[in-house]
Amino acid sequence: KQNGAKAVYVCATHGVLSGSAIEKLRNAPIDQLAITD
């Protein structure tokens, strides 16, 4: 985003999402986060 990206998508195989991960992700300028089940 600081370098001017107009959209940011995130992909990860494993969404462990421990600790404060959800709060960090909630506040991040992410257009979409795709994780597997």
PDB file of all heavy atoms in Angstrom:
ATOM      1  N   LYS A   1       0.825  -1.208   0.000  1.00  0.00           N
ATOM      2  CA  LYS A   1       0.000   0.000   0.000  1.00  0.00           C
ATOM      3  C   LYS A   1       0.867   1.269   0.000  1.00  0.00           C
ATOM      4  O   LYS A   1       0.558   2.226  -0.703  1.00  0.00           O
ATOM      5  CB  LYS A   1      -0.960  -0.001   1.193  1.00  0.00           C
ATOM      6  CG  LYS A   1      -2.149  -0.910   0.991  1.00  0.00           C
ATOM      7  CD  LYS A   1      -2.967  -0.442  -0.209  1.00  0.00           C
ATOM      8  CE  LYS A   1      -4.353  -1.023  -0.205  1.00  0.00           C
ATOM      9  NZ  LYS A   1      -5.179  -0.498  -1.293  1.00  0.00           N
ATOM     10  N   GLN A   2       1.945   1.268   0.789  1.00  0.00           N
ATOM     11  CA  GLN A   2       2.844   2.426   0.826  1.00  0.00           C
ATOM     12  C   GLN A   2       3.491   2.679  -0.523  1.00  0.00           C
ATOM     13  O   GLN A   2       3.862   3.802  -0.838  1.00  0.00           O
ATOM     14  CB  GLN A   2       3.936   2.227   1.883  1.00  0.00           C
ATOM     15  CG  GLN A   2       3.440   2.311   3.298  1.00  0.00           C
ATOM     16  CD  GLN A   2       4.442   1.765   4.295  1.00  0.00           C
ATOM     17  OE1 GLN A   2       5.571   1.427   3.964  1.00  0.00           O
ATOM     18  NE2 GLN A   2       4.007   1.644   5.539  1.00  0.00           N
ATOM     19  N   ASN A   3       3.609   1.629  -1.325  1.00  0.00           N
ATOM     20  CA  ASN A   3       4.220   1.753  -2.646  1.00  0.00           C
ATOM     21  C   ASN A   3       3.170   1.904  -3.752  1.00  0.00           C
ATOM     22  O   ASN A   3       3.482   1.738  -4.928  1.00  0.00           O
ATOM     23  CB  ASN A   3       5.139   0.571  -2.920  1.00  0.00           C
ATOM     24  CG  ASN A   3       6.460   0.713  -2.190  1.00  0.00           C
ATOM     25  OD1 ASN A   3       7.362   1.390  -2.663  1.00  0.00           O
ATOM     26  ND2 ASN A   3       6.557   0.119  -1.013  1.00  0.00           N
ATOM     27  N   GLY A   4       1.928   2.195  -3.378  1.00  0.00           N
ATOM     28  CA  GLY A   4       0.911   2.557  -4.347  1.00  0.00           C
ATOM     29  C   GLY A   4       0.061   1.451  -4.929  1.00  0.00           C
ATOM     30  O   GLY A   4      -0.614   1.671  -5.943  1.00  0.00           O
ATOM     31  N   ALA A   5       0.048   0.264  -4.337  1.00  0.00           N
ATOM     32  CA  ALA A   5      -0.807  -0.814  -4.847  1.00  0.00           C
ATOM     33  C   ALA A   5      -2.266  -0.374  -4.780  1.00  0.00           C
ATOM     34  O   ALA A   5      -2.701   0.199  -3.787  1.00  0.00           O
ATOM     35  CB  ALA A   5      -0.607  -2.087  -4.032  1.00  0.00           C
ATOM     36  N   LYS A   6      -3.014  -0.634  -5.866  1.00  0.00           N
ATOM     37  CA  LYS A   6      -4.426  -0.232  -5.849  1.00  0.00           C
ATOM     38  C   LYS A   6      -5.324  -1.282  -5.197  1.00  0.00           C
ATOM     39  O   LYS A   6      -6.430  -0.967  -4.775  1.00  0.00           O
ATOM     40  CB  LYS A   6      -4.915   0.131  -7.241  1.00  0.00           C
ATOM     41  CG  LYS A   6      -5.143  -0.992  -8.211  1.00  0.00           C
ATOM     42  CD  LYS A   6      -5.713  -0.414  -9.516  1.00  0.00           C
ATOM     43  CE  LYS A   6      -5.864  -1.454 -10.580  1.00  0.00           C
ATOM     44  NZ  LYS A   6      -6.344  -0.862 -11.831  1.00  0.00           N
ATOM     45  N   ALA A   7      -4.880  -2.512  -5.112  1.00  0.00           N
ATOM     46  CA  ALA A   7      -5.618  -3.565  -4.420  1.00  0.00           C
ATOM     47  C   ALA A   7      -4.616  -4.584  -3.903  1.00  0.00           C
ATOM     48  O   ALA A   7      -3.578  -4.814  -4.534  1.00  0.00           O
ATOM     49  CB  ALA A   7      -6.618  -4.243  -5.357  1.00  0.00           C
ATOM     50  N   VAL A   8      -4.931  -5.179  -2.750  1.00  0.00           N
ATOM     51  CA  VAL A   8      -4.055  -6.198  -2.171  1.00  0.00           C
ATOM     52  C   VAL A   8      -4.894  -7.410  -1.781  1.00  0.00           C
ATOM     53  O   VAL A   8      -5.853  -7.300  -1.030  1.00  0.00           O
ATOM     54  CB  VAL A   8      -3.284  -5.680  -0.934  1.00  0.00           C
ATOM     55  CG1 VAL A   8      -2.400  -6.779  -0.361  1.00  0.00           C
ATOM     56  CG2 VAL A   8      -2.456  -4.449  -1.272  1.00  0.00           C
ATOM     57  N   TYR A   9      -4.507  -8.550  -2.327  1.00  0.00           N
ATOM     58  CA  TYR A   9      -5.128  -9.827  -2.023  1.00  0.00           C
ATOM     59  C   TYR A   9      -4.081 -10.678  -1.319  1.00  0.00           C
ATOM     60  O   TYR A   9      -2.898 -10.599  -1.645  1.00  0.00           O
ATOM     61  CB  TYR A   9      -5.576 -10.538  -3.302  1.00  0.00           C
ATOM     62  CG  TYR A   9      -6.472  -9.698  -4.172  1.00  0.00           C
ATOM     63  CD1 TYR A   9      -5.947  -8.889  -5.169  1.00  0.00           C
ATOM     64  CD2 TYR A   9      -7.850  -9.703  -3.983  1.00  0.00           C
ATOM     65  CE1 TYR A   9      -6.769  -8.100  -5.966  1.00  0.00           C
ATOM     66  CE2 TYR A   9      -8.672  -8.926  -4.778  1.00  0.00           C
ATOM     67  CZ  TYR A   9      -8.128  -8.122  -5.765  1.00  0.00           C
ATOM     68  OH  TYR A   9      -8.946  -7.343  -6.549  1.00  0.00           O
ATOM     69  N   VAL A  10      -4.505 -11.496  -0.381  1.00  0.00           N
ATOM     70  CA  VAL A  10      -3.594 -12.372   0.342  1.00  0.00           C
ATOM     71  C   VAL A  10      -4.098 -13.803   0.178  1.00  0.00           C
ATOM     72  O   VAL A  10      -5.296 -14.060   0.267  1.00  0.00           O
ATOM     73  CB  VAL A  10      -3.521 -12.003   1.843  1.00  0.00           C
ATOM     74  CG1 VAL A  10      -2.641 -12.982   2.599  1.00  0.00           C
ATOM     75  CG2 VAL A  10      -3.020 -10.573   2.029  1.00  0.00           C
ATOM     76  N   CYS A  11      -3.169 -14.721  -0.083  1.00  0.00           N
ATOM     77  CA  CYS A  11      -3.487 -16.149  -0.170  1.00  0.00           C
ATOM     78  C   CYS A  11      -2.550 -16.913   0.752  1.00  0.00           C
ATOM     79  O   CYS A  11      -1.350 -16.657   0.759  1.00  0.00           O
ATOM     80  CB  CYS A  11      -3.270 -16.668  -1.593  1.00  0.00           C
ATOM     81  SG  CYS A  11      -4.386 -15.987  -2.809  1.00  0.00           S
ATOM     82  N   ALA A  12      -3.118 -17.841   1.508  1.00  0.00           N
ATOM     83  CA  ALA A  12      -2.307 -18.683   2.382  1.00  0.00           C
ATOM     84  C   ALA A  12      -2.938 -20.063   2.459  1.00  0.00           C
ATOM     85  O   ALA A  12      -4.160 -20.197   2.501  1.00  0.00           O
ATOM     86  CB  ALA A  12      -2.196 -18.088   3.778  1.00  0.00           C
ATOM     87  N   THR A  13      -2.087 -21.071   2.478  1.00  0.00           N
ATOM     88  CA  THR A  13      -2.579 -22.436   2.561  1.00  0.00           C
ATOM     89  C   THR A  13      -3.230 -22.697   3.913  1.00  0.00           C
ATOM     90  O   THR A  13      -4.334 -23.237   3.972  1.00  0.00           O
ATOM     91  CB  THR A  13      -1.429 -23.437   2.324  1.00  0.00           C
ATOM     92  OG1 THR A  13      -0.838 -23.151   1.058  1.00  0.00           O
ATOM     93  CG2 THR A  13      -1.922 -24.862   2.332  1.00  0.00           C
ATOM     94  N   HIS A  14      -2.576 -22.318   4.985  1.00  0.00           N
ATOM     95  CA  HIS A  14      -3.075 -22.615   6.327  1.00  0.00           C
ATOM     96  C   HIS A  14      -3.367 -21.328   7.091  1.00  0.00           C
ATOM     97  O   HIS A  14      -2.463 -20.540   7.341  1.00  0.00           O
ATOM     98  CB  HIS A  14      -2.070 -23.452   7.119  1.00  0.00           C
ATOM     99  CG  HIS A  14      -1.598 -24.669   6.401  1.00  0.00           C
ATOM    100  ND1 HIS A  14      -2.430 -25.736   6.112  1.00  0.00           N
ATOM    101  CD2 HIS A  14      -0.382 -24.986   5.899  1.00  0.00           C
ATOM    102  CE1 HIS A  14      -1.738 -26.657   5.459  1.00  0.00           C
ATOM    103  NE2 HIS A  14      -0.496 -26.222   5.319  1.00  0.00           N
ATOM    104  N   GLY A  15      -4.595 -21.142   7.478  1.00  0.00           N
ATOM    105  CA  GLY A  15      -4.988 -19.992   8.292  1.00  0.00           C
ATOM    106  C   GLY A  15      -4.980 -20.360   9.764  1.00  0.00           C
ATOM    107  O   GLY A  15      -6.030 -20.628  10.342  1.00  0.00           O
ATOM    108  N   VAL A  16      -3.796 -20.364  10.369  1.00  0.00           N
ATOM    109  CA  VAL A  16      -3.673 -20.681  11.794  1.00  0.00           C
ATOM    110  C   VAL A  16      -4.365 -19.592  12.620  1.00  0.00           C
ATOM    111  O   VAL A  16      -5.128 -19.874  13.533  1.00  0.00           O
ATOM    112  CB  VAL A  16      -2.188 -20.842  12.208  1.00  0.00           C
ATOM    113  CG1 VAL A  16      -2.059 -21.092  13.706  1.00  0.00           C
ATOM    114  CG2 VAL A  16      -1.532 -21.955  11.402  1.00  0.00           C
ATOM    115  N   LEU A  17      -4.069 -18.339  12.301  1.00  0.00           N
ATOM    116  CA  LEU A  17      -4.721 -17.166  12.895  1.00  0.00           C
ATOM    117  C   LEU A  17      -4.713 -17.192  14.419  1.00  0.00           C
ATOM    118  O   LEU A  17      -5.754 -17.151  15.076  1.00  0.00           O
ATOM    119  CB  LEU A  17      -6.142 -17.012  12.348  1.00  0.00           C
ATOM    120  CG  LEU A  17      -6.264 -17.017  10.816  1.00  0.00           C
ATOM    121  CD1 LEU A  17      -7.722 -16.937  10.400  1.00  0.00           C
ATOM    122  CD2 LEU A  17      -5.438 -15.927  10.192  1.00  0.00           C
ATOM    123  N   SER A  18      -3.518 -17.226  14.993  1.00  0.00           N
ATOM    124  CA  SER A  18      -3.359 -17.288  16.449  1.00  0.00           C
ATOM    125  C   SER A  18      -3.136 -15.897  17.038  1.00  0.00           C
ATOM    126  O   SER A  18      -2.845 -14.936  16.324  1.00  0.00           O
ATOM    127  CB  SER A  18      -2.195 -18.212  16.809  1.00  0.00           C
ATOM    128  OG  SER A  18      -0.992 -17.707  16.268  1.00  0.00           O
ATOM    129  N   GLY A  19      -3.256 -15.816  18.354  1.00  0.00           N
ATOM    130  CA  GLY A  19      -3.010 -14.561  19.060  1.00  0.00           C
ATOM    131  C   GLY A  19      -3.905 -13.437  18.547  1.00  0.00           C
ATOM    132  O   GLY A  19      -5.110 -13.596  18.409  1.00  0.00           O
ATOM    133  N   SER A  20      -3.280 -12.314  18.228  1.00  0.00           N
ATOM    134  CA  SER A  20      -4.021 -11.131  17.773  1.00  0.00           C
ATOM    135  C   SER A  20      -4.139 -11.062  16.248  1.00  0.00           C
ATOM    136  O   SER A  20      -4.387  -9.994  15.691  1.00  0.00           O
ATOM    137  CB  SER A  20      -3.359  -9.858  18.311  1.00  0.00           C
ATOM    138  OG  SER A  20      -2.025  -9.765  17.828  1.00  0.00           O
ATOM    139  N   ALA A  21      -3.979 -12.187  15.565  1.00  0.00           N
ATOM    140  CA  ALA A  21      -4.008 -12.205  14.095  1.00  0.00           C
ATOM    141  C   ALA A  21      -5.294 -11.618  13.532  1.00  0.00           C
ATOM    142  O   ALA A  21      -5.261 -10.816  12.589  1.00  0.00           O
ATOM    143  CB  ALA A  21      -3.807 -13.630  13.574  1.00  0.00           C
ATOM    144  N   ILE A  22      -6.438 -11.980  14.078  1.00  0.00           N
ATOM    145  CA  ILE A  22      -7.715 -11.504  13.545  1.00  0.00           C
ATOM    146  C   ILE A  22      -7.808  -9.994  13.664  1.00  0.00           C
ATOM    147  O   ILE A  22      -8.254  -9.310  12.736  1.00  0.00           O
ATOM    148  CB  ILE A  22      -8.904 -12.213  14.240  1.00  0.00           C
ATOM    149  CG1 ILE A  22      -8.941 -13.683  13.828  1.00  0.00           C
ATOM    150  CG2 ILE A  22     -10.222 -11.529  13.941  1.00  0.00           C
ATOM    151  CD1 ILE A  22      -9.156 -13.918  12.330  1.00  0.00           C
ATOM    152  N   GLU A  23      -7.392  -9.448  14.790  1.00  0.00           N
ATOM    153  CA  GLU A  23      -7.424  -7.989  14.967  1.00  0.00           C
ATOM    154  C   GLU A  23      -6.503  -7.293  13.966  1.00  0.00           C
ATOM    155  O   GLU A  23      -6.879  -6.286  13.352  1.00  0.00           O
ATOM    156  CB  GLU A  23      -7.031  -7.623  16.405  1.00  0.00           C
ATOM    157  CG  GLU A  23      -7.433  -6.232  16.804  1.00  0.00           C
ATOM    158  CD  GLU A  23      -8.934  -5.987  16.699  1.00  0.00           C
ATOM    159  OE1 GLU A  23      -9.739  -6.896  16.980  1.00  0.00           O
ATOM    160  OE2 GLU A  23      -9.316  -4.872  16.310  1.00  0.00           O
ATOM    161  N   LYS A  24      -5.315  -7.846  13.767  1.00  0.00           N
ATOM    162  CA  LYS A  24      -4.377  -7.264  12.782  1.00  0.00           C
ATOM    163  C   LYS A  24      -4.980  -7.311  11.385  1.00  0.00           C
ATOM    164  O   LYS A  24      -4.898  -6.339  10.627  1.00  0.00           O
ATOM    165  CB  LYS A  24      -3.051  -8.028  12.794  1.00  0.00           C
ATOM    166  CG  LYS A  24      -2.213  -7.815  14.022  1.00  0.00           C
ATOM    167  CD  LYS A  24      -0.975  -8.705  13.958  1.00  0.00           C
ATOM    168  CE  LYS A  24      -0.242  -8.745  15.268  1.00  0.00           C
ATOM    169  NZ  LYS A  24       0.823  -9.747  15.275  1.00  0.00           N
ATOM    170  N   LEU A  25      -5.561  -8.445  11.020  1.00  0.00           N
ATOM    171  CA  LEU A  25      -6.152  -8.596   9.684  1.00  0.00           C
ATOM    172  C   LEU A  25      -7.374  -7.702   9.511  1.00  0.00           C
ATOM    173  O   LEU A  25      -7.588  -7.131   8.441  1.00  0.00           O
ATOM    174  CB  LEU A  25      -6.519 -10.055   9.429  1.00  0.00           C
ATOM    175  CG  LEU A  25      -5.335 -11.016   9.325  1.00  0.00           C
ATOM    176  CD1 LEU A  25      -5.803 -12.459   9.386  1.00  0.00           C
ATOM    177  CD2 LEU A  25      -4.530 -10.748   8.066  1.00  0.00           C
ATOM    178  N   ARG A  26      -8.175  -7.564  10.555  1.00  0.00           N
ATOM    179  CA  ARG A  26      -9.365  -6.711  10.504  1.00  0.00           C
ATOM    180  C   ARG A  26      -8.974  -5.258  10.195  1.00  0.00           C
ATOM    181  O   ARG A  26      -9.684  -4.549   9.478  1.00  0.00           O
ATOM    182  CB  ARG A  26     -10.118  -6.780  11.826  1.00  0.00           C
ATOM    183  CG  ARG A  26     -11.367  -5.899  11.874  1.00  0.00           C
ATOM    184  CD  ARG A  26     -12.103  -5.982  13.202  1.00  0.00           C
ATOM    185  NE  ARG A  26     -12.809  -7.256  13.283  1.00  0.00           N
ATOM    186  CZ  ARG A  26     -12.595  -8.182  14.215  1.00  0.00           C
ATOM    187  NH1 ARG A  26     -11.697  -7.997  15.154  1.00  0.00           N
ATOM    188  NH2 ARG A  26     -13.273  -9.308  14.208  1.00  0.00           N
ATOM    189  N   ASN A  27      -7.850  -4.815  10.720  1.00  0.00           N
ATOM    190  CA  ASN A  27      -7.416  -3.429  10.563  1.00  0.00           C
ATOM    191  C   ASN A  27      -6.515  -3.202   9.354  1.00  0.00           C
ATOM    192  O   ASN A  27      -6.123  -2.068   9.088  1.00  0.00           O
ATOM    193  CB  ASN A  27      -6.710  -2.954  11.837  1.00  0.00           C
ATOM    194  CG  ASN A  27      -7.663  -2.934  13.018  1.00  0.00           C
ATOM    195  OD1 ASN A  27      -8.821  -2.564  12.884  1.00  0.00           O
ATOM    196  ND2 ASN A  27      -7.185  -3.361  14.174  1.00  0.00           N
ATOM    197  N   ALA A  28      -6.162  -4.237   8.639  1.00  0.00           N
ATOM    198  CA  ALA A  28      -5.268  -4.118   7.481  1.00  0.00           C
ATOM    199  C   ALA A  28      -6.079  -3.823   6.215  1.00  0.00           C
ATOM    200  O   ALA A  28      -7.200  -4.303   6.065  1.00  0.00           O
ATOM    201  CB  ALA A  28      -4.462  -5.400   7.303  1.00  0.00           C
ATOM    202  N   PRO A  29      -5.492  -3.066   5.289  1.00  0.00           N
ATOM    203  CA  PRO A  29      -6.195  -2.754   4.036  1.00  0.00           C
ATOM    204  C   PRO A  29      -6.117  -3.901   3.020  1.00  0.00           C
ATOM    205  O   PRO A  29      -5.532  -3.788   1.945  1.00  0.00           O
ATOM    206  CB  PRO A  29      -5.467  -1.502   3.537  1.00  0.00           C
ATOM    207  CG  PRO A  29      -4.075  -1.642   4.074  1.00  0.00           C
ATOM    208  CD  PRO A  29      -4.220  -2.351   5.403  1.00  0.00           C
ATOM    209  N   ILE A  30      -6.744  -5.033   3.374  1.00  0.00           N
ATOM    210  CA  ILE A  30      -6.742  -6.226   2.533  1.00  0.00           C
ATOM    211  C   ILE A  30      -8.081  -6.301   1.804  1.00  0.00           C
ATOM    212  O   ILE A  30      -9.139  -6.246   2.430  1.00  0.00           O
ATOM    213  CB  ILE A  30      -6.539  -7.501   3.383  1.00  0.00           C
ATOM    214  CG1 ILE A  30      -5.178  -7.481   4.074  1.00  0.00           C
ATOM    215  CG2 ILE A  30      -6.705  -8.759   2.535  1.00  0.00           C
ATOM    216  CD1 ILE A  30      -4.982  -8.587   5.097  1.00  0.00           C
ATOM    217  N   ASP A  31      -8.028  -6.425   0.476  1.00  0.00           N
ATOM    218  CA  ASP A  31      -9.258  -6.556  -0.304  1.00  0.00           C
ATOM    219  C   ASP A  31      -9.871  -7.938  -0.127  1.00  0.00           C
ATOM    220  O   ASP A  31     -11.094  -8.066  -0.080  1.00  0.00           O
ATOM    221  CB  ASP A  31      -8.986  -6.263  -1.784  1.00  0.00           C
ATOM    222  CG  ASP A  31      -8.652  -4.798  -1.985  1.00  0.00           C
ATOM    223  OD1 ASP A  31      -7.460  -4.427  -1.887  1.00  0.00           O
ATOM    224  OD2 ASP A  31      -9.582  -4.019  -2.212  1.00  0.00           O
ATOM    225  N   GLN A  32      -9.023  -8.959  -0.067  1.00  0.00           N
ATOM    226  CA  GLN A  32      -9.518 -10.309   0.161  1.00  0.00           C
ATOM    227  C   GLN A  32      -8.393 -11.171   0.709  1.00  0.00           C
ATOM    228  O   GLN A  32      -7.250 -11.043   0.293  1.00  0.00           O
ATOM    229  CB  GLN A  32     -10.046 -10.942  -1.118  1.00  0.00           C
ATOM    230  CG  GLN A  32     -10.694 -12.297  -0.887  1.00  0.00           C
ATOM    231  CD  GLN A  32     -11.137 -12.938  -2.176  1.00  0.00           C
ATOM    232  OE1 GLN A  32     -10.315 -13.500  -2.895  1.00  0.00           O
ATOM    233  NE2 GLN A  32     -12.427 -12.846  -2.472  1.00  0.00           N
ATOM    234  N   LEU A  33      -8.746 -12.053   1.645  1.00  0.00           N
ATOM    235  CA  LEU A  33      -7.823 -13.033   2.198  1.00  0.00           C
ATOM    236  C   LEU A  33      -8.383 -14.408   1.875  1.00  0.00           C
ATOM    237  O   LEU A  33      -9.460 -14.771   2.360  1.00  0.00           O
ATOM    238  CB  LEU A  33      -7.684 -12.855   3.713  1.00  0.00           C
ATOM    239  CG  LEU A  33      -7.017 -13.985   4.498  1.00  0.00           C
ATOM    240  CD1 LEU A  33      -5.612 -14.265   4.003  1.00  0.00           C
ATOM    241  CD2 LEU A  33      -7.006 -13.664   5.977  1.00  0.00           C
ATOM    242  N   ALA A  34      -7.697 -15.159   1.030  1.00  0.00           N
ATOM    243  CA  ALA A  34      -8.120 -16.516   0.662  1.00  0.00           C
ATOM    244  C   ALA A  34      -7.238 -17.512   1.406  1.00  0.00           C
ATOM    245  O   ALA A  34      -6.019 -17.475   1.289  1.00  0.00           O
ATOM    246  CB  ALA A  34      -8.006 -16.726  -0.841  1.00  0.00           C
ATOM    247  N   ILE A  35      -7.901 -18.368   2.203  1.00  0.00           N
ATOM    248  CA  ILE A  35      -7.204 -19.436   2.917  1.00  0.00           C
ATOM    249  C   ILE A  35      -7.927 -20.738   2.607  1.00  0.00           C
ATOM    250  O   ILE A  35      -9.098 -20.732   2.251  1.00  0.00           O
ATOM    251  CB  ILE A  35      -7.154 -19.196   4.439  1.00  0.00           C
ATOM    252  CG1 ILE A  35      -8.568 -19.032   5.020  1.00  0.00           C
ATOM    253  CG2 ILE A  35      -6.286 -17.997   4.781  1.00  0.00           C
ATOM    254  CD1 ILE A  35      -8.628 -18.928   6.531  1.00  0.00           C
ATOM    255  N   THR A  36      -7.223 -21.846   2.745  1.00  0.00           N
ATOM    256  CA  THR A  36      -7.877 -23.135   2.519  1.00  0.00           C
ATOM    257  C   THR A  36      -8.558 -23.601   3.802  1.00  0.00           C
ATOM    258  O   THR A  36      -8.315 -23.059   4.883  1.00  0.00           O
ATOM    259  CB  THR A  36      -6.890 -24.223   2.051  1.00  0.00           C
ATOM    260  OG1 THR A  36      -6.069 -24.615   3.155  1.00  0.00           O
ATOM    261  CG2 THR A  36      -6.040 -23.744   0.884  1.00  0.00           C
ATOM    262  N   ASP A  37      -9.359 -24.627   3.650  1.00  0.00           N
ATOM    263  CA  ASP A  37     -10.033 -25.217   4.806  1.00  0.00           C
ATOM    264  C   ASP A  37      -9.206 -26.335   5.444  1.00  0.00           C
ATOM    265  O   ASP A  37      -9.744 -27.217   6.107  1.00  0.00           O
ATOM    266  CB  ASP A  37     -11.427 -25.706   4.434  1.00  0.00           C
ATOM    267  CG  ASP A  37     -11.428 -26.741   3.315  1.00  0.00           C
ATOM    268  OD1 ASP A  37     -10.356 -27.047   2.752  1.00  0.00           O
ATOM    269  OD2 ASP A  37     -12.521 -27.241   2.990  1.00  0.00           O
TER     270      ASP A  37
END
